[in-house]
Amino acid sequence: MDVTRRTAWRASVLLAAAVATTGVLVGWAHGASAVRGSSVVFPAGATWTTVFTGTKAGIEGLTGDNHGNLYVAERGGGSNPCPVWKIAVASGETTQVGSVPGPCSPSGLAFGPDERLYVTGADAPALDQIDVLTPGDASAEATIFATGVAQANGIAFDSHGNLWATDGNEKQGIVYRVGPDGGAATEVFRIPQMANLVGVGRQNGTLQGTSPNTANPQDIVANGIVFTRSDEMVVADTARGALWRVSLDSRGNVTSPVGCDSTYPADTLCLDDVFVESPYLEGADGIALDASGRVWVDANERQAIVVVDDRGVPSEFFRDPVDPTTGRRNGGPLETPTSPVFLGHTLCTTSSDGNRRDNSPNSGGEVTSTGKISCLDEPVSATGLALPVR
């Protein structure tokens, strides 16, 4: 891959270097030791390398295959189609493998058991469809797979081939199920809302915004989603900084406690279902499992990646260092991290560069609003789960 710039944080000091070629490759090294007691530590001397930089209206979701490739759906903006890209991490080669018809605004994507690629965020502005694509060349076009999934965000498949999606920016905490043949989605359960009209949960002025005195609440409660090997579901709660763990029977019905608070709909999870809630997880967005069952969380409010072990204990794997001049953490390498993915022992993540909390103002990093994908250039002492063969 061609290189123009590689930048590293070492001991919290920003070092810059220029290389006279074309293209962009940016690397960053960890500036502080990992949290004591963590079962996974940041690799010594590792740097974050930018392997993809968006040029359109932003990126968020990320997935991969077993051949060292990442896949991302870029938001086209307005009525434009949304291109889907394959990125070869080793070489940096980027290839368009299809598109989602506009208007669209994808937030999540995942390979299904049929090795086709499923993408949320079709049919803007309602964003109530999930499309499916057989990756090919730039002319390949996604078609409708599921309907009735307003603001669908995180997406995952269970062992029976059912597709599950969270409602993201709908902010109702709804988790949907779609059968293997597609069609209309079914609401299965909800996570309790945090911002709402009935006076419970977090209210509008309680979270730091773009300045300490500006309200900018985080009220998405159903975001990233994964399934464990035992078909137990884990859902990221962005507003609470929490992970919910939900047990299902063989037909996809919830067996975890629901309906404990009559303020909410009857299918709403009880607080007993919270696996972990922690300040480390503020802004919990996309999540990924490793082979040991640990949950890797992009904490987008804190510019951090956090690992939660099987006891529900969180530990910080990486957090952007404080710039010694500005006192902020908005200089990268993470710029509102949104979706972690493992390719074997290689950890990668998207950054959407939102203008809030620790990434505010978002003009301080490498990109502004268009988003990027970054990968560690040293292996992590954890192995990702098997990815689709394609």
Protein backbone atom coordinates (compact mmCIF):
# COMPACT_ATOMS: atom_id res chain seq x y z
CA MET A 1 0.00 0.00 0.00
CA ASP A 2 1.33 3.47 -0.85
CA VAL A 3 2.31 5.63 2.09
CA THR A 4 2.28 9.38 2.59
CA ARG A 5 2.24 9.70 6.34
CA ARG A 6 2.73 7.48 9.36
CA THR A 7 2.22 9.01 12.79
CA ALA A 8 2.77 7.38 16.18
CA TRP A 9 1.97 8.18 19.80
CA ARG A 10 4.77 7.00 22.04
CA ALA A 11 4.71 7.89 25.74
CA SER A 12 1.79 10.21 24.94
CA VAL A 13 3.92 12.37 22.64
CA LEU A 14 2.84 12.92 19.05
CA LEU A 15 5.64 12.20 16.56
CA ALA A 16 5.18 13.00 12.90
CA ALA A 17 7.00 11.70 9.85
CA ALA A 18 6.45 12.20 6.14
CA VAL A 19 7.12 9.74 3.33
CA ALA A 20 7.02 11.04 -0.22
CA THR A 21 4.63 8.75 -2.10
CA THR A 22 0.90 8.69 -2.80
CA GLY A 23 -2.07 7.46 -0.76
CA VAL A 24 -2.37 7.60 3.04
CA LEU A 25 -1.28 5.26 5.79
CA VAL A 26 -1.34 6.47 9.39
CA GLY A 27 -0.05 4.50 12.39
CA TRP A 28 -0.25 5.21 16.12
CA ALA A 29 1.42 3.54 19.10
CA HIS A 30 -0.14 3.10 22.52
CA GLY A 31 0.94 5.80 24.95
CA ALA A 32 0.12 4.10 28.27
CA SER A 33 0.13 0.66 29.82
CA ALA A 34 -2.99 -1.49 29.86
CA VAL A 35 -5.23 -1.58 32.92
CA ARG A 36 -3.77 -3.85 35.60
CA GLY A 37 -5.50 -7.21 35.76
CA SER A 38 -6.55 -7.20 32.12
CA SER A 39 -6.46 -10.64 30.54
CA VAL A 40 -5.50 -9.05 27.22
CA VAL A 41 -2.86 -6.33 26.98
CA PHE A 42 -2.03 -3.94 24.18
CA PRO A 43 0.89 -5.41 22.17
CA ALA A 44 4.19 -3.72 22.99
CA GLY A 45 5.19 -1.28 20.28
CA ALA A 46 2.02 -1.80 18.25
CA THR A 47 0.64 1.00 16.11
CA TRP A 48 -2.76 1.69 14.61
CA THR A 49 -2.64 1.84 10.82
CA THR A 50 -5.35 3.44 8.69
CA VAL A 51 -6.32 0.98 5.95
CA PHE A 52 -9.37 2.82 4.60
CA THR A 53 -10.47 6.45 4.62
CA GLY A 54 -14.01 7.37 3.66
CA THR A 55 -14.69 10.01 1.04
CA LYS A 56 -18.49 10.27 1.22
CA ALA A 57 -21.01 10.70 4.05
CA GLY A 58 -19.50 8.37 6.65
CA ILE A 59 -19.07 4.76 7.74
CA GLU A 60 -20.01 2.80 10.86
CA GLY A 61 -20.35 -1.00 10.57
CA LEU A 62 -17.58 -3.46 9.70
CA THR A 63 -17.20 -7.18 9.03
CA GLY A 64 -14.60 -9.50 7.53
CA ASP A 65 -13.88 -12.86 5.88
CA ASN A 66 -11.37 -15.68 6.38
CA HIS A 67 -9.00 -14.34 3.73
CA GLY A 68 -7.83 -11.22 5.53
CA ASN A 69 -10.42 -8.89 3.98
CA LEU A 70 -12.64 -6.31 5.63
CA TYR A 71 -16.01 -5.13 4.29
CA VAL A 72 -17.65 -1.77 4.88
CA ALA A 73 -20.71 0.01 3.45
CA GLU A 74 -20.11 3.70 2.93
CA ARG A 75 -22.97 6.19 3.25
CA GLY A 76 -23.58 7.80 -0.10
CA GLY A 77 -25.39 10.90 1.15
CA GLY A 78 -28.75 12.19 -0.10
CA SER A 79 -30.30 9.95 -2.74
CA ASN A 80 -26.95 8.50 -3.82
CA PRO A 81 -26.30 4.74 -3.68
CA CYS A 82 -24.07 3.43 -0.90
CA PRO A 83 -20.92 1.67 -2.15
CA VAL A 84 -19.75 -1.54 -0.46
CA TRP A 85 -15.98 -1.98 -0.27
CA LYS A 86 -13.64 -4.90 0.30
CA ILE A 87 -10.30 -3.95 1.87
CA ALA A 88 -7.35 -6.35 1.82
CA VAL A 89 -5.60 -5.48 5.08
CA ALA A 90 -2.20 -6.90 4.09
CA SER A 91 -1.90 -5.03 0.79
CA GLY A 92 -4.24 -2.10 1.33
CA GLU A 93 -6.03 -2.87 -1.93
CA THR A 94 -9.60 -1.55 -1.95
CA THR A 95 -12.24 -2.95 -4.31
CA GLN A 96 -15.88 -2.02 -4.69
CA VAL A 97 -17.93 -5.24 -4.51
CA GLY A 98 -21.38 -3.76 -4.95
CA SER A 99 -23.75 -1.07 -3.71
CA VAL A 100 -27.01 -0.49 -1.85
CA PRO A 101 -29.56 1.49 -3.89
CA GLY A 102 -30.12 5.02 -2.65
CA PRO A 103 -31.35 6.65 -0.62
CA CYS A 104 -29.55 4.68 2.07
CA SER A 105 -27.53 5.16 5.25
CA PRO A 106 -25.95 1.86 6.37
CA SER A 107 -25.01 1.34 10.01
CA GLY A 108 -24.29 -2.40 10.20
CA LEU A 109 -23.42 -5.32 7.99
CA ALA A 110 -22.72 -9.01 8.42
CA PHE A 111 -22.23 -12.15 6.37
CA GLY A 112 -25.07 -14.64 6.64
CA PRO A 113 -24.79 -18.44 6.65
CA ASP A 114 -25.30 -18.29 2.87
CA GLU A 115 -22.11 -16.16 2.60
CA ARG A 116 -24.10 -13.23 1.26
CA LEU A 117 -23.62 -9.79 2.80
CA TYR A 118 -26.54 -8.25 4.71
CA VAL A 119 -26.61 -4.46 5.12
CA THR A 120 -28.85 -2.33 7.34
CA GLY A 121 -30.05 1.19 6.63
CA ALA A 122 -31.84 0.88 3.29
CA ASP A 123 -34.90 2.92 2.30
CA ALA A 124 -33.88 6.27 3.80
CA PRO A 125 -35.08 8.28 5.65
CA ALA A 126 -37.10 5.57 7.42
CA LEU A 127 -34.13 3.16 7.21
CA ASP A 128 -36.66 0.37 7.69
CA GLN A 129 -35.16 -2.22 5.30
CA ILE A 130 -32.22 -4.61 5.36
CA ASP A 131 -30.73 -5.40 1.98
CA VAL A 132 -28.68 -8.40 0.87
CA LEU A 133 -25.77 -8.44 -1.57
CA THR A 134 -23.71 -11.14 -3.26
CA PRO A 135 -20.28 -9.46 -3.38
CA GLY A 136 -19.02 -9.17 -6.93
CA ASP A 137 -17.87 -6.06 -8.74
CA ALA A 138 -19.00 -2.45 -8.64
CA SER A 139 -22.12 -3.28 -10.67
CA ALA A 140 -23.53 -5.75 -8.11
CA GLU A 141 -26.64 -4.30 -6.47
CA ALA A 142 -28.23 -5.25 -3.17
CA THR A 143 -31.88 -6.27 -3.02
CA ILE A 144 -34.47 -6.10 -0.24
CA PHE A 145 -34.31 -8.91 2.34
CA ALA A 146 -36.24 -7.60 5.36
CA THR A 147 -38.77 -4.84 6.04
CA GLY A 148 -40.17 -3.24 9.18
CA VAL A 149 -36.80 -2.73 10.90
CA ALA A 150 -36.84 1.03 11.48
CA GLN A 151 -33.35 2.51 12.00
CA ALA A 152 -31.80 -0.99 12.03
CA ASN A 153 -28.26 -0.74 13.34
CA GLY A 154 -26.41 -3.78 14.73
CA ILE A 155 -26.97 -7.07 12.93
CA ALA A 156 -26.13 -10.72 13.72
CA PHE A 157 -27.23 -14.27 12.86
CA ASP A 158 -28.09 -17.04 15.30
CA SER A 159 -27.24 -20.72 14.73
CA HIS A 160 -30.66 -21.32 13.11
CA GLY A 161 -30.04 -18.77 10.36
CA ASN A 162 -32.32 -16.10 11.81
CA LEU A 163 -31.22 -12.51 11.36
CA TRP A 164 -31.42 -10.22 14.40
CA ALA A 165 -31.17 -6.42 14.35
CA THR A 166 -31.25 -3.59 16.88
CA ASP A 167 -33.19 -0.38 16.35
CA GLY A 168 -30.30 2.06 16.97
CA ASN A 169 -31.40 5.62 16.36
CA GLU A 170 -35.07 4.71 16.77
CA LYS A 171 -34.13 4.81 20.48
CA GLN A 172 -36.97 2.49 21.51
CA GLY A 173 -34.56 -0.32 22.43
CA ILE A 174 -36.25 -2.78 20.07
CA VAL A 175 -34.51 -5.99 18.97
CA TYR A 176 -36.01 -7.59 15.85
CA ARG A 177 -35.88 -11.10 14.39
CA VAL A 178 -36.18 -11.98 10.69
CA GLY A 179 -36.47 -15.60 9.53
CA PRO A 180 -33.99 -17.23 7.11
CA ASP A 181 -36.29 -16.47 4.16
CA GLY A 182 -36.56 -12.76 4.95
CA GLY A 183 -39.71 -10.67 4.90
CA ALA A 184 -41.34 -8.63 7.66
CA ALA A 185 -39.42 -8.36 10.92
CA THR A 186 -40.86 -9.36 14.30
CA GLU A 187 -40.23 -7.42 17.50
CA VAL A 188 -38.91 -9.92 20.07
CA PHE A 189 -37.95 -7.75 23.06
CA ARG A 190 -36.93 -4.29 24.16
CA ILE A 191 -34.21 -2.75 26.28
CA PRO A 192 -35.56 -0.06 28.67
CA GLN A 193 -35.35 3.40 27.15
CA MET A 194 -33.26 6.11 28.75
CA ALA A 195 -34.74 9.23 27.15
CA ASN A 196 -38.51 9.14 26.80
CA LEU A 197 -41.74 11.08 27.26
CA VAL A 198 -42.98 9.47 30.47
CA GLY A 199 -40.39 10.83 32.88
CA VAL A 200 -38.24 7.79 33.59
CA GLY A 201 -34.64 7.15 32.65
CA ARG A 202 -32.05 9.69 31.63
CA GLN A 203 -33.35 13.12 30.74
CA ASN A 204 -32.23 15.48 28.03
CA GLY A 205 -29.75 17.69 29.90
CA THR A 206 -27.70 15.17 31.83
CA LEU A 207 -24.84 14.29 29.49
CA GLN A 208 -21.88 16.41 28.45
CA GLY A 209 -22.26 17.66 24.91
CA THR A 210 -19.95 19.51 22.56
CA SER A 211 -19.09 21.79 25.46
CA PRO A 212 -19.60 21.09 29.20
CA ASN A 213 -22.72 23.30 29.28
CA THR A 214 -24.43 22.05 26.13
CA ALA A 215 -26.96 19.22 26.38
CA ASN A 216 -26.25 16.41 23.95
CA PRO A 217 -27.72 13.25 25.46
CA GLN A 218 -26.79 9.76 24.37
CA ASP A 219 -30.06 7.85 24.28
CA ILE A 220 -29.44 4.87 21.98
CA VAL A 221 -29.97 1.76 24.11
CA ALA A 222 -29.83 -1.06 21.51
CA ASN A 223 -26.73 -0.92 19.35
CA GLY A 224 -24.11 -3.63 18.68
CA ILE A 225 -25.23 -7.26 18.87
CA VAL A 226 -23.46 -10.66 18.94
CA PHE A 227 -24.31 -14.30 19.67
CA THR A 228 -22.23 -16.56 21.87
CA ARG A 229 -21.55 -20.19 20.95
CA SER A 230 -24.50 -21.21 23.13
CA ASP A 231 -26.80 -18.83 21.19
CA GLU A 232 -27.00 -16.39 24.06
CA MET A 233 -27.31 -12.82 22.82
CA VAL A 234 -25.24 -9.86 23.98
CA VAL A 235 -26.47 -6.33 23.16
CA ALA A 236 -24.54 -3.08 23.63
CA ASP A 237 -26.38 -0.28 25.41
CA THR A 238 -24.77 2.98 24.30
CA ALA A 239 -26.65 5.26 26.70
CA ARG A 240 -26.02 3.31 29.91
CA GLY A 241 -22.52 2.13 29.07
CA ALA A 242 -23.70 -1.44 29.49
CA LEU A 243 -23.97 -4.90 27.97
CA TRP A 244 -27.21 -6.88 28.23
CA ARG A 245 -27.18 -10.68 28.11
CA VAL A 246 -30.32 -12.37 26.82
CA SER A 247 -31.17 -16.08 26.84
CA LEU A 248 -33.36 -17.53 24.09
CA ASP A 249 -35.03 -20.88 23.55
CA SER A 250 -34.65 -22.97 20.39
CA ARG A 251 -37.46 -21.02 18.69
CA GLY A 252 -35.91 -17.63 19.42
CA ASN A 253 -38.22 -16.72 22.29
CA VAL A 254 -36.79 -14.81 25.24
CA THR A 255 -36.34 -16.85 28.42
CA SER A 256 -34.62 -14.05 30.36
CA PRO A 257 -36.78 -11.99 32.75
CA VAL A 258 -39.06 -9.39 31.10
CA GLY A 259 -41.93 -7.15 32.20
CA CYS A 260 -40.63 -6.06 35.61
CA ASP A 261 -41.55 -2.38 35.18
CA SER A 262 -45.05 -1.52 33.99
CA THR A 263 -43.79 1.86 32.75
CA TYR A 264 -42.39 0.04 29.74
CA PRO A 265 -43.97 -2.35 27.20
CA ALA A 266 -44.44 -5.90 28.52
CA ASP A 267 -41.63 -7.35 26.37
CA THR A 268 -39.01 -5.04 27.96
CA LEU A 269 -36.05 -6.70 29.66
CA CYS A 270 -35.67 -6.51 33.42
CA LEU A 271 -32.56 -4.96 34.97
CA ASP A 272 -31.59 -8.50 36.03
CA ASP A 273 -30.51 -8.98 32.40
CA VAL A 274 -27.71 -6.40 32.58
CA PHE A 275 -24.42 -8.29 32.28
CA VAL A 276 -22.18 -5.31 33.07
CA GLU A 277 -22.60 -1.55 33.40
CA SER A 278 -19.47 0.55 33.82
CA PRO A 279 -18.01 4.01 33.17
CA TYR A 280 -15.43 2.19 31.05
CA LEU A 281 -18.26 1.32 28.64
CA GLU A 282 -19.72 4.80 28.15
CA GLY A 283 -20.85 4.95 24.54
CA ALA A 284 -20.74 1.16 24.02
CA ASP A 285 -21.29 0.82 20.29
CA GLY A 286 -20.20 -2.12 18.14
CA ILE A 287 -19.08 -5.32 19.87
CA ALA A 288 -17.18 -8.47 18.88
CA LEU A 289 -16.50 -11.80 20.56
CA ASP A 290 -13.14 -13.52 20.65
CA ALA A 291 -12.59 -17.28 20.79
CA SER A 292 -12.35 -17.17 24.59
CA GLY A 293 -15.78 -15.61 24.93
CA ARG A 294 -14.58 -12.13 25.86
CA VAL A 295 -16.56 -9.18 24.50
CA TRP A 296 -14.60 -6.41 22.78
CA VAL A 297 -16.43 -3.09 22.95
CA ASP A 298 -15.91 0.15 21.04
CA ALA A 299 -16.70 2.77 23.70
CA ASN A 300 -17.38 5.68 21.38
CA GLU A 301 -17.87 8.37 24.03
CA ARG A 302 -14.42 7.69 25.50
CA GLN A 303 -12.29 7.03 22.39
CA ALA A 304 -11.56 3.59 23.82
CA ILE A 305 -11.67 -0.15 23.25
CA VAL A 306 -12.65 -2.16 26.32
CA VAL A 307 -12.57 -5.92 26.93
CA VAL A 308 -15.22 -7.58 29.13
CA ASP A 309 -14.38 -11.05 30.44
CA ASP A 310 -16.84 -13.88 31.07
CA ARG A 311 -17.41 -12.65 34.64
CA GLY A 312 -18.54 -9.26 33.37
CA VAL A 313 -15.36 -7.48 34.44
CA PRO A 314 -14.31 -4.68 32.04
CA SER A 315 -10.71 -3.63 31.41
CA GLU A 316 -9.32 -1.00 29.13
CA PHE A 317 -7.38 -2.32 26.15
CA PHE A 318 -6.70 1.03 24.50
CA ARG A 319 -7.75 4.65 24.88
CA ASP A 320 -6.62 7.66 22.90
CA PRO A 321 -3.92 9.55 24.79
CA VAL A 322 -4.40 13.12 25.96
CA ASP A 323 -2.84 15.69 23.68
CA PRO A 324 -0.34 17.54 25.91
CA THR A 325 -1.18 20.86 24.24
CA THR A 326 -4.98 20.79 24.11
CA GLY A 327 -5.73 18.40 26.98
CA ARG A 328 -8.20 16.57 24.70
CA ARG A 329 -8.38 13.01 23.35
CA ASN A 330 -9.67 14.01 19.91
CA GLY A 331 -6.42 13.66 17.97
CA GLY A 332 -6.70 9.94 17.27
CA PRO A 333 -6.01 7.27 16.48
CA LEU A 334 -9.61 6.41 17.48
CA GLU A 335 -12.13 9.01 16.32
CA THR A 336 -15.48 7.85 17.72
CA PRO A 337 -14.83 4.10 17.39
CA THR A 338 -17.92 2.20 16.28
CA SER A 339 -17.29 -1.40 15.18
CA PRO A 340 -14.44 -3.77 16.16
CA VAL A 341 -13.61 -6.84 14.05
CA PHE A 342 -11.03 -9.62 14.37
CA LEU A 343 -9.24 -11.13 11.38
CA GLY A 344 -7.53 -13.97 13.22
CA HIS A 345 -5.20 -12.18 15.67
CA THR A 346 -5.55 -8.83 13.88
CA LEU A 347 -7.86 -6.29 15.50
CA CYS A 348 -9.47 -3.61 13.33
CA THR A 349 -12.09 -0.96 14.01
CA THR A 350 -14.08 1.71 12.25
CA SER A 351 -14.20 5.31 13.45
CA SER A 352 -17.21 7.43 12.46
CA ASP A 353 -15.75 10.74 13.76
CA GLY A 354 -18.84 12.00 15.53
CA ASN A 355 -18.66 15.50 17.02
CA ARG A 356 -19.35 14.71 20.70
CA ARG A 357 -17.73 13.95 24.03
CA ASP A 358 -14.07 12.93 23.86
CA ASN A 359 -13.98 13.44 20.09
CA SER A 360 -15.23 17.02 20.24
CA PRO A 361 -14.33 19.01 18.27
CA ASN A 362 -13.98 16.34 15.61
CA SER A 363 -11.61 18.50 13.57
CA GLY A 364 -8.69 17.33 15.69
CA GLY A 365 -7.97 13.96 14.08
CA GLU A 366 -7.11 12.49 10.72
CA VAL A 367 -10.61 12.63 9.20
CA THR A 368 -13.66 14.83 9.62
CA SER A 369 -17.03 13.02 9.51
CA THR A 370 -16.13 10.75 6.57
CA GLY A 371 -14.83 7.99 8.84
CA LYS A 372 -11.95 5.51 8.57
CA ILE A 373 -10.85 1.95 9.36
CA SER A 374 -7.78 1.30 11.52
CA CYS A 375 -5.97 -1.98 12.26
CA LEU A 376 -3.25 -2.89 14.73
CA ASP A 377 0.02 -3.82 13.05
CA GLU A 378 0.94 -6.33 15.79
CA PRO A 379 -1.07 -9.46 16.65
CA VAL A 380 -3.33 -9.43 19.70
CA SER A 381 -3.16 -12.26 22.24
CA ALA A 382 -6.75 -13.18 21.41
CA THR A 383 -8.25 -14.96 18.44
CA GLY A 384 -11.42 -13.92 16.69
CA LEU A 385 -14.25 -16.33 15.95
CA ALA A 386 -14.41 -18.05 12.58
CA LEU A 387 -15.56 -15.71 9.83
CA PRO A 388 -17.37 -16.55 6.58
CA VAL A 389 -15.30 -18.40 3.99
CA ARG A 390 -15.96 -16.00 1.13
